[in-house]
Amino acid sequence: MAVIARVSMWTAWCAAVVLAGCDASTTTSTSESDTYVKILYDGKPLANVQVLLKQTADGTPLARAITNERGLAFVAELPSPEPEDYVVAMESISDGGWMLNPSVMKKFSDSLRLKPFSESPQQTIELPRRAVQSLVSNH
C-alpha cells in the first residue's frame, strides 16, 4: 500500500510540474507581444490581414504576420541586423465578405515605411478610406 501511495504522490507531483511547464510556455508567447504592427481601418482593428515586411518593394519578405481580432500582427522573427526601414505589403486573407482594395493599397503601400522594431516595437498603420471593399453585391 505504501508503494501505491508513493507512486500516486509521484504521479501527482509530475502532473503539477507538467502543468506549471505549460504556464511557462504561455509566458514565452507573451514576450512575442512586445513586437507587433497594429492595423486599423476607420479607427477600428482589422483582422485577417497578412503583413509582409520587406527591404525593397519587389524583394522577398523578411518577416510576415497575420492580424488577429484586435488588429495586431505579432512579428516573431526579425532579421538581424534590421534594415533602416521596412517596406510594407498587405494582403487580405479573409473570406468574410471583404478584401483590401488593390488599387488603393498599391498607392498607399508605395510610400508606407515602418521603422526598425528595435527602435519602435509597436507600430500602427491606419488604412486610408476605401482601402477595404465589400465583396457582397448590393442588388
N, C-alpha and C. Protein backbone atom coordinates (compact mmCIF):
# COMPACT_ATOMS: atom_id res chain seq x y z
N MET A 1 0.81 -1.20 0.00
CA MET A 1 0.00 0.00 0.00
C MET A 1 0.85 1.26 0.00
N ALA A 2 1.93 1.23 0.78
CA ALA A 2 2.80 2.40 0.86
C ALA A 2 3.42 2.71 -0.49
N VAL A 3 3.73 1.67 -1.26
CA VAL A 3 4.30 1.86 -2.59
C VAL A 3 3.29 2.53 -3.51
N ILE A 4 2.04 2.11 -3.44
CA ILE A 4 0.99 2.70 -4.27
C ILE A 4 0.80 4.17 -3.90
N ALA A 5 0.83 4.51 -2.63
CA ALA A 5 0.68 5.90 -2.19
C ALA A 5 1.83 6.75 -2.71
N ARG A 6 3.07 6.18 -2.66
CA ARG A 6 4.24 6.93 -3.16
C ARG A 6 4.14 7.14 -4.67
N VAL A 7 3.70 6.11 -5.40
CA VAL A 7 3.54 6.22 -6.85
C VAL A 7 2.48 7.26 -7.17
N SER A 8 1.38 7.26 -6.42
CA SER A 8 0.33 8.25 -6.65
C SER A 8 0.83 9.66 -6.37
N MET A 9 1.58 9.82 -5.28
CA MET A 9 2.13 11.15 -4.97
C MET A 9 3.11 11.58 -6.06
N TRP A 10 3.94 10.64 -6.53
CA TRP A 10 4.91 10.93 -7.58
C TRP A 10 4.18 11.34 -8.87
N THR A 11 3.12 10.63 -9.21
CA THR A 11 2.33 10.95 -10.40
C THR A 11 1.70 12.34 -10.27
N ALA A 12 1.15 12.65 -9.11
CA ALA A 12 0.54 13.96 -8.88
C ALA A 12 1.60 15.06 -8.98
N TRP A 13 2.78 14.81 -8.42
CA TRP A 13 3.86 15.81 -8.47
C TRP A 13 4.29 16.04 -9.92
N CYS A 14 4.44 14.96 -10.70
CA CYS A 14 4.82 15.08 -12.12
C CYS A 14 3.76 15.86 -12.90
N ALA A 15 2.50 15.58 -12.62
CA ALA A 15 1.42 16.31 -13.30
C ALA A 15 1.47 17.78 -12.96
N ALA A 16 1.78 18.13 -11.71
CA ALA A 16 1.89 19.54 -11.32
C ALA A 16 3.04 20.22 -12.05
N VAL A 17 4.16 19.50 -12.20
CA VAL A 17 5.31 20.07 -12.92
C VAL A 17 4.95 20.30 -14.39
N VAL A 18 4.26 19.33 -14.98
CA VAL A 18 3.86 19.47 -16.39
C VAL A 18 2.93 20.66 -16.55
N LEU A 19 1.95 20.81 -15.67
CA LEU A 19 1.03 21.95 -15.76
C LEU A 19 1.75 23.26 -15.56
N ALA A 20 2.68 23.31 -14.63
CA ALA A 20 3.47 24.53 -14.42
C ALA A 20 4.30 24.83 -15.65
N GLY A 21 4.80 23.78 -16.30
CA GLY A 21 5.56 23.97 -17.53
C GLY A 21 4.71 24.57 -18.63
N CYS A 22 3.44 24.20 -18.70
CA CYS A 22 2.54 24.78 -19.70
C CYS A 22 2.36 26.26 -19.45
N ASP A 23 2.26 26.66 -18.19
CA ASP A 23 2.14 28.08 -17.87
C ASP A 23 3.37 28.84 -18.30
N ALA A 24 4.54 28.24 -18.17
CA ALA A 24 5.78 28.91 -18.58
C ALA A 24 5.79 29.14 -20.08
N SER A 25 5.25 28.20 -20.87
CA SER A 25 5.23 28.40 -22.32
C SER A 25 4.27 29.53 -22.69
N THR A 26 3.22 29.74 -21.91
CA THR A 26 2.32 30.85 -22.15
C THR A 26 3.06 32.17 -21.96
N THR A 27 3.90 32.24 -20.95
CA THR A 27 4.69 33.44 -20.69
C THR A 27 5.62 33.73 -21.87
N THR A 28 6.17 32.68 -22.47
CA THR A 28 7.05 32.87 -23.62
C THR A 28 6.30 33.52 -24.77
N SER A 29 5.08 33.10 -25.04
CA SER A 29 4.33 33.70 -26.13
C SER A 29 3.95 35.15 -25.81
N THR A 30 3.85 35.48 -24.52
CA THR A 30 3.56 36.85 -24.14
C THR A 30 4.71 37.76 -24.54
N SER A 31 5.94 37.26 -24.48
CA SER A 31 7.08 38.11 -24.86
C SER A 31 7.02 38.47 -26.34
N GLU A 32 6.36 37.64 -27.17
CA GLU A 32 6.19 37.97 -28.57
C GLU A 32 5.33 39.21 -28.74
N SER A 33 4.48 39.51 -27.76
CA SER A 33 3.59 40.65 -27.88
C SER A 33 4.35 41.98 -27.81
N ASP A 34 5.64 41.92 -27.54
CA ASP A 34 6.43 43.14 -27.50
C ASP A 34 6.62 43.74 -28.89
N THR A 35 6.51 42.94 -29.92
CA THR A 35 6.77 43.40 -31.28
C THR A 35 5.57 43.11 -32.16
N TYR A 36 4.89 44.18 -32.58
CA TYR A 36 3.72 43.97 -33.44
C TYR A 36 3.42 45.20 -34.28
N VAL A 37 2.61 44.95 -35.31
CA VAL A 37 2.04 46.00 -36.15
C VAL A 37 0.55 45.96 -35.91
N LYS A 38 -0.04 47.11 -35.64
CA LYS A 38 -1.49 47.20 -35.45
C LYS A 38 -2.10 47.80 -36.71
N ILE A 39 -3.09 47.12 -37.27
CA ILE A 39 -3.76 47.58 -38.49
C ILE A 39 -5.15 48.10 -38.11
N LEU A 40 -5.41 49.35 -38.47
CA LEU A 40 -6.71 49.97 -38.20
C LEU A 40 -7.34 50.42 -39.51
N TYR A 41 -8.66 50.28 -39.58
CA TYR A 41 -9.42 50.83 -40.70
C TYR A 41 -10.62 51.55 -40.11
N ASP A 42 -10.76 52.81 -40.45
CA ASP A 42 -11.85 53.63 -39.92
C ASP A 42 -11.80 53.64 -38.39
N GLY A 43 -10.59 53.63 -37.84
CA GLY A 43 -10.38 53.70 -36.39
C GLY A 43 -10.61 52.39 -35.66
N LYS A 44 -10.93 51.31 -36.40
CA LYS A 44 -11.21 50.02 -35.77
C LYS A 44 -10.17 48.99 -36.20
N PRO A 45 -9.87 48.02 -35.31
CA PRO A 45 -8.91 46.98 -35.68
C PRO A 45 -9.41 46.12 -36.83
N LEU A 46 -8.50 45.72 -37.69
CA LEU A 46 -8.85 44.91 -38.85
C LEU A 46 -8.13 43.56 -38.76
N ALA A 47 -8.90 42.49 -38.66
CA ALA A 47 -8.34 41.13 -38.55
C ALA A 47 -8.16 40.52 -39.93
N ASN A 48 -7.38 39.46 -39.97
CA ASN A 48 -7.16 38.66 -41.18
C ASN A 48 -6.45 39.42 -42.30
N VAL A 49 -5.48 40.22 -41.90
CA VAL A 49 -4.61 40.90 -42.86
C VAL A 49 -3.21 40.34 -42.69
N GLN A 50 -2.65 39.84 -43.78
CA GLN A 50 -1.27 39.38 -43.74
C GLN A 50 -0.36 40.58 -43.99
N VAL A 51 0.56 40.82 -43.09
CA VAL A 51 1.50 41.93 -43.18
C VAL A 51 2.85 41.35 -43.58
N LEU A 52 3.38 41.82 -44.69
CA LEU A 52 4.68 41.38 -45.19
C LEU A 52 5.67 42.52 -45.05
N LEU A 53 6.78 42.27 -44.38
CA LEU A 53 7.83 43.27 -44.20
C LEU A 53 8.99 42.93 -45.11
N LYS A 54 9.37 43.90 -45.95
CA LYS A 54 10.41 43.67 -46.95
C LYS A 54 11.47 44.76 -46.86
N GLN A 55 12.61 44.51 -47.47
CA GLN A 55 13.65 45.54 -47.54
C GLN A 55 13.41 46.45 -48.75
N THR A 56 12.92 45.86 -49.84
CA THR A 56 12.57 46.63 -51.04
C THR A 56 11.18 46.20 -51.50
N ALA A 57 10.54 47.05 -52.29
CA ALA A 57 9.17 46.77 -52.73
C ALA A 57 9.05 45.46 -53.49
N ASP A 58 10.05 45.12 -54.30
CA ASP A 58 9.98 43.89 -55.07
C ASP A 58 10.78 42.75 -54.44
N GLY A 59 11.25 42.96 -53.23
CA GLY A 59 12.04 41.94 -52.54
C GLY A 59 11.18 40.87 -51.90
N THR A 60 11.84 39.83 -51.43
CA THR A 60 11.14 38.76 -50.72
C THR A 60 10.87 39.21 -49.29
N PRO A 61 9.82 38.71 -48.68
CA PRO A 61 9.51 39.11 -47.30
C PRO A 61 10.61 38.69 -46.32
N LEU A 62 10.98 39.63 -45.46
CA LEU A 62 11.92 39.35 -44.38
C LEU A 62 11.18 38.79 -43.16
N ALA A 63 9.93 39.20 -43.02
CA ALA A 63 9.08 38.74 -41.92
C ALA A 63 7.63 38.87 -42.37
N ARG A 64 6.77 38.08 -41.74
CA ARG A 64 5.34 38.14 -42.05
C ARG A 64 4.56 37.80 -40.80
N ALA A 65 3.35 38.35 -40.74
CA ALA A 65 2.46 38.08 -39.61
C ALA A 65 1.03 38.34 -40.06
N ILE A 66 0.07 37.78 -39.33
CA ILE A 66 -1.35 37.94 -39.66
C ILE A 66 -2.04 38.60 -38.48
N THR A 67 -2.86 39.61 -38.77
CA THR A 67 -3.56 40.31 -37.69
C THR A 67 -4.63 39.43 -37.06
N ASN A 68 -4.77 39.59 -35.76
CA ASN A 68 -5.81 38.88 -35.01
C ASN A 68 -7.04 39.78 -34.89
N GLU A 69 -8.01 39.40 -34.07
CA GLU A 69 -9.25 40.16 -33.94
C GLU A 69 -9.02 41.55 -33.34
N ARG A 70 -7.88 41.78 -32.71
CA ARG A 70 -7.55 43.11 -32.17
C ARG A 70 -6.73 43.93 -33.16
N GLY A 71 -6.54 43.38 -34.37
CA GLY A 71 -5.78 44.08 -35.40
C GLY A 71 -4.28 43.99 -35.21
N LEU A 72 -3.82 43.12 -34.33
CA LEU A 72 -2.39 43.01 -34.03
C LEU A 72 -1.75 41.86 -34.81
N ALA A 73 -0.66 42.18 -35.49
CA ALA A 73 0.13 41.19 -36.20
C ALA A 73 1.46 41.07 -35.45
N PHE A 74 1.60 39.99 -34.69
CA PHE A 74 2.81 39.79 -33.89
C PHE A 74 3.94 39.30 -34.79
N VAL A 75 5.04 40.03 -34.77
CA VAL A 75 6.19 39.69 -35.60
C VAL A 75 7.15 38.87 -34.74
N ALA A 76 7.23 37.57 -35.03
CA ALA A 76 8.00 36.67 -34.18
C ALA A 76 9.50 36.70 -34.51
N GLU A 77 9.83 36.69 -35.78
CA GLU A 77 11.24 36.62 -36.16
C GLU A 77 11.58 37.77 -37.10
N LEU A 78 12.58 38.54 -36.69
CA LEU A 78 13.04 39.67 -37.50
C LEU A 78 14.48 39.42 -37.93
N PRO A 79 14.87 39.99 -39.07
CA PRO A 79 16.26 39.82 -39.49
C PRO A 79 17.21 40.58 -38.56
N SER A 80 18.42 40.12 -38.50
CA SER A 80 19.43 40.82 -37.72
C SER A 80 20.67 40.95 -38.58
N PRO A 81 21.12 42.15 -38.85
CA PRO A 81 20.54 43.42 -38.41
C PRO A 81 19.30 43.77 -39.23
N GLU A 82 18.48 44.63 -38.65
CA GLU A 82 17.28 45.08 -39.34
C GLU A 82 17.64 46.14 -40.39
N PRO A 83 16.82 46.25 -41.45
CA PRO A 83 17.05 47.33 -42.42
C PRO A 83 16.75 48.70 -41.79
N GLU A 84 17.15 49.76 -42.47
CA GLU A 84 16.87 51.12 -41.98
C GLU A 84 15.38 51.36 -41.84
N ASP A 85 14.62 50.81 -42.75
CA ASP A 85 13.15 50.84 -42.67
C ASP A 85 12.61 49.65 -43.43
N TYR A 86 11.35 49.35 -43.16
CA TYR A 86 10.68 48.23 -43.82
C TYR A 86 9.68 48.76 -44.84
N VAL A 87 9.68 48.15 -46.01
CA VAL A 87 8.62 48.35 -46.99
C VAL A 87 7.51 47.38 -46.59
N VAL A 88 6.28 47.84 -46.62
CA VAL A 88 5.17 47.02 -46.13
C VAL A 88 4.23 46.66 -47.27
N ALA A 89 3.88 45.39 -47.34
CA ALA A 89 2.84 44.92 -48.26
C ALA A 89 1.79 44.24 -47.40
N MET A 90 0.53 44.37 -47.79
CA MET A 90 -0.56 43.75 -47.04
C MET A 90 -1.49 43.02 -47.98
N GLU A 91 -2.01 41.90 -47.49
CA GLU A 91 -2.95 41.09 -48.26
C GLU A 91 -4.09 40.68 -47.35
N SER A 92 -5.31 40.73 -47.85
CA SER A 92 -6.43 40.23 -47.07
C SER A 92 -6.49 38.72 -47.24
N ILE A 93 -6.71 38.04 -46.13
CA ILE A 93 -6.81 36.57 -46.18
C ILE A 93 -8.17 36.13 -45.63
N SER A 94 -9.10 37.06 -45.62
CA SER A 94 -10.41 36.78 -45.06
C SER A 94 -11.36 36.27 -46.12
N ASP A 95 -12.28 35.45 -45.69
CA ASP A 95 -13.38 35.07 -46.57
C ASP A 95 -14.68 35.64 -46.00
N GLY A 96 -14.54 36.73 -45.24
CA GLY A 96 -15.66 37.32 -44.54
C GLY A 96 -16.40 38.39 -45.31
N GLY A 97 -16.36 38.35 -46.62
CA GLY A 97 -17.14 39.29 -47.40
C GLY A 97 -16.46 40.62 -47.70
N TRP A 98 -15.14 40.69 -47.47
CA TRP A 98 -14.41 41.92 -47.78
C TRP A 98 -13.01 41.57 -48.28
N MET A 99 -12.37 42.53 -48.88
CA MET A 99 -10.97 42.38 -49.29
C MET A 99 -10.31 43.76 -49.32
N LEU A 100 -9.00 43.76 -49.30
CA LEU A 100 -8.28 45.02 -49.44
C LEU A 100 -8.34 45.43 -50.91
N ASN A 101 -8.67 46.68 -51.15
CA ASN A 101 -8.79 47.21 -52.50
C ASN A 101 -7.38 47.34 -53.10
N PRO A 102 -7.05 46.54 -54.12
CA PRO A 102 -5.69 46.53 -54.66
C PRO A 102 -5.18 47.88 -55.14
N SER A 103 -6.02 48.66 -55.81
CA SER A 103 -5.54 49.94 -56.34
C SER A 103 -5.26 50.94 -55.21
N VAL A 104 -6.11 50.98 -54.20
CA VAL A 104 -5.88 51.89 -53.07
C VAL A 104 -4.66 51.43 -52.27
N MET A 105 -4.54 50.13 -52.05
CA MET A 105 -3.43 49.61 -51.26
C MET A 105 -2.09 49.78 -51.97
N LYS A 106 -2.08 49.64 -53.28
CA LYS A 106 -0.84 49.83 -54.05
C LYS A 106 -0.32 51.24 -53.86
N LYS A 107 -1.19 52.22 -54.05
CA LYS A 107 -0.80 53.62 -53.91
C LYS A 107 -0.36 53.90 -52.47
N PHE A 108 -1.10 53.38 -51.50
CA PHE A 108 -0.80 53.60 -50.09
C PHE A 108 0.54 52.95 -49.71
N SER A 109 0.74 51.71 -50.15
CA SER A 109 1.95 50.97 -49.78
C SER A 109 3.21 51.52 -50.43
N ASP A 110 3.07 52.21 -51.57
CA ASP A 110 4.25 52.77 -52.24
C ASP A 110 5.04 53.70 -51.33
N SER A 111 4.35 54.41 -50.46
CA SER A 111 5.04 55.36 -49.59
C SER A 111 5.10 54.92 -48.13
N LEU A 112 4.49 53.79 -47.81
CA LEU A 112 4.43 53.33 -46.42
C LEU A 112 5.74 52.67 -46.01
N ARG A 113 6.31 53.13 -44.91
CA ARG A 113 7.53 52.55 -44.35
C ARG A 113 7.36 52.42 -42.85
N LEU A 114 7.92 51.36 -42.30
CA LEU A 114 7.95 51.18 -40.86
C LEU A 114 9.39 51.27 -40.38
N LYS A 115 9.56 51.78 -39.17
CA LYS A 115 10.88 51.87 -38.55
C LYS A 115 11.34 50.47 -38.14
N PRO A 116 12.64 50.31 -37.89
CA PRO A 116 13.09 49.04 -37.32
C PRO A 116 12.39 48.79 -35.98
N PHE A 117 12.03 47.57 -35.72
CA PHE A 117 11.31 47.24 -34.48
C PHE A 117 12.21 47.35 -33.26
N SER A 118 13.52 47.34 -33.46
CA SER A 118 14.43 47.56 -32.34
C SER A 118 14.29 48.99 -31.82
N GLU A 119 13.88 49.92 -32.69
CA GLU A 119 13.65 51.32 -32.30
C GLU A 119 12.21 51.55 -31.85
N SER A 120 11.28 50.90 -32.49
CA SER A 120 9.86 51.12 -32.22
C SER A 120 9.12 49.78 -32.32
N PRO A 121 9.04 49.03 -31.20
CA PRO A 121 8.48 47.67 -31.25
C PRO A 121 6.98 47.57 -31.51
N GLN A 122 6.21 48.63 -31.24
CA GLN A 122 4.77 48.62 -31.52
C GLN A 122 4.49 49.76 -32.50
N GLN A 123 4.01 49.38 -33.69
CA GLN A 123 3.75 50.38 -34.71
C GLN A 123 2.32 50.20 -35.24
N THR A 124 1.72 51.32 -35.61
CA THR A 124 0.32 51.30 -36.07
C THR A 124 0.24 51.80 -37.50
N ILE A 125 -0.58 51.12 -38.29
CA ILE A 125 -0.88 51.53 -39.65
C ILE A 125 -2.38 51.78 -39.73
N GLU A 126 -2.76 53.00 -40.06
CA GLU A 126 -4.16 53.36 -40.28
C GLU A 126 -4.40 53.32 -41.79
N LEU A 127 -5.23 52.41 -42.23
CA LEU A 127 -5.51 52.27 -43.66
C LEU A 127 -6.36 53.45 -44.14
N PRO A 128 -6.13 53.89 -45.37
CA PRO A 128 -6.90 55.02 -45.91
C PRO A 128 -8.34 54.63 -46.24
N ARG A 129 -9.15 55.65 -46.44
CA ARG A 129 -10.54 55.42 -46.87
C ARG A 129 -10.55 54.61 -48.14
N ARG A 130 -11.55 53.80 -48.30
CA ARG A 130 -11.75 52.94 -49.47
C ARG A 130 -10.70 51.83 -49.60
N ALA A 131 -9.88 51.61 -48.55
CA ALA A 131 -8.89 50.53 -48.61
C ALA A 131 -9.55 49.16 -48.49
N VAL A 132 -10.72 49.13 -47.86
CA VAL A 132 -11.45 47.87 -47.71
C VAL A 132 -12.70 47.94 -48.57
N GLN A 133 -12.91 46.91 -49.39
CA GLN A 133 -14.10 46.89 -50.22
C GLN A 133 -14.90 45.62 -49.95
N SER A 134 -16.19 45.78 -50.01
CA SER A 134 -17.10 44.67 -49.76
C SER A 134 -17.16 43.75 -50.97
N LEU A 135 -17.28 42.46 -50.70
CA LEU A 135 -17.46 41.50 -51.76
C LEU A 135 -18.92 41.13 -51.94
N VAL A 136 -19.77 41.71 -51.13
CA VAL A 136 -21.21 41.45 -51.17
C VAL A 136 -21.84 42.48 -52.10
N SER A 137 -22.56 42.00 -53.09
CA SER A 137 -23.22 42.94 -54.01
C SER A 137 -24.47 43.49 -53.36
N ASN A 138 -24.77 44.72 -53.66
CA ASN A 138 -25.95 45.40 -53.11
C ASN A 138 -27.04 45.50 -54.17
N HIS A 139 -27.66 44.39 -54.50
CA HIS A 139 -28.73 44.40 -55.51
C HIS A 139 -30.03 44.81 -54.92
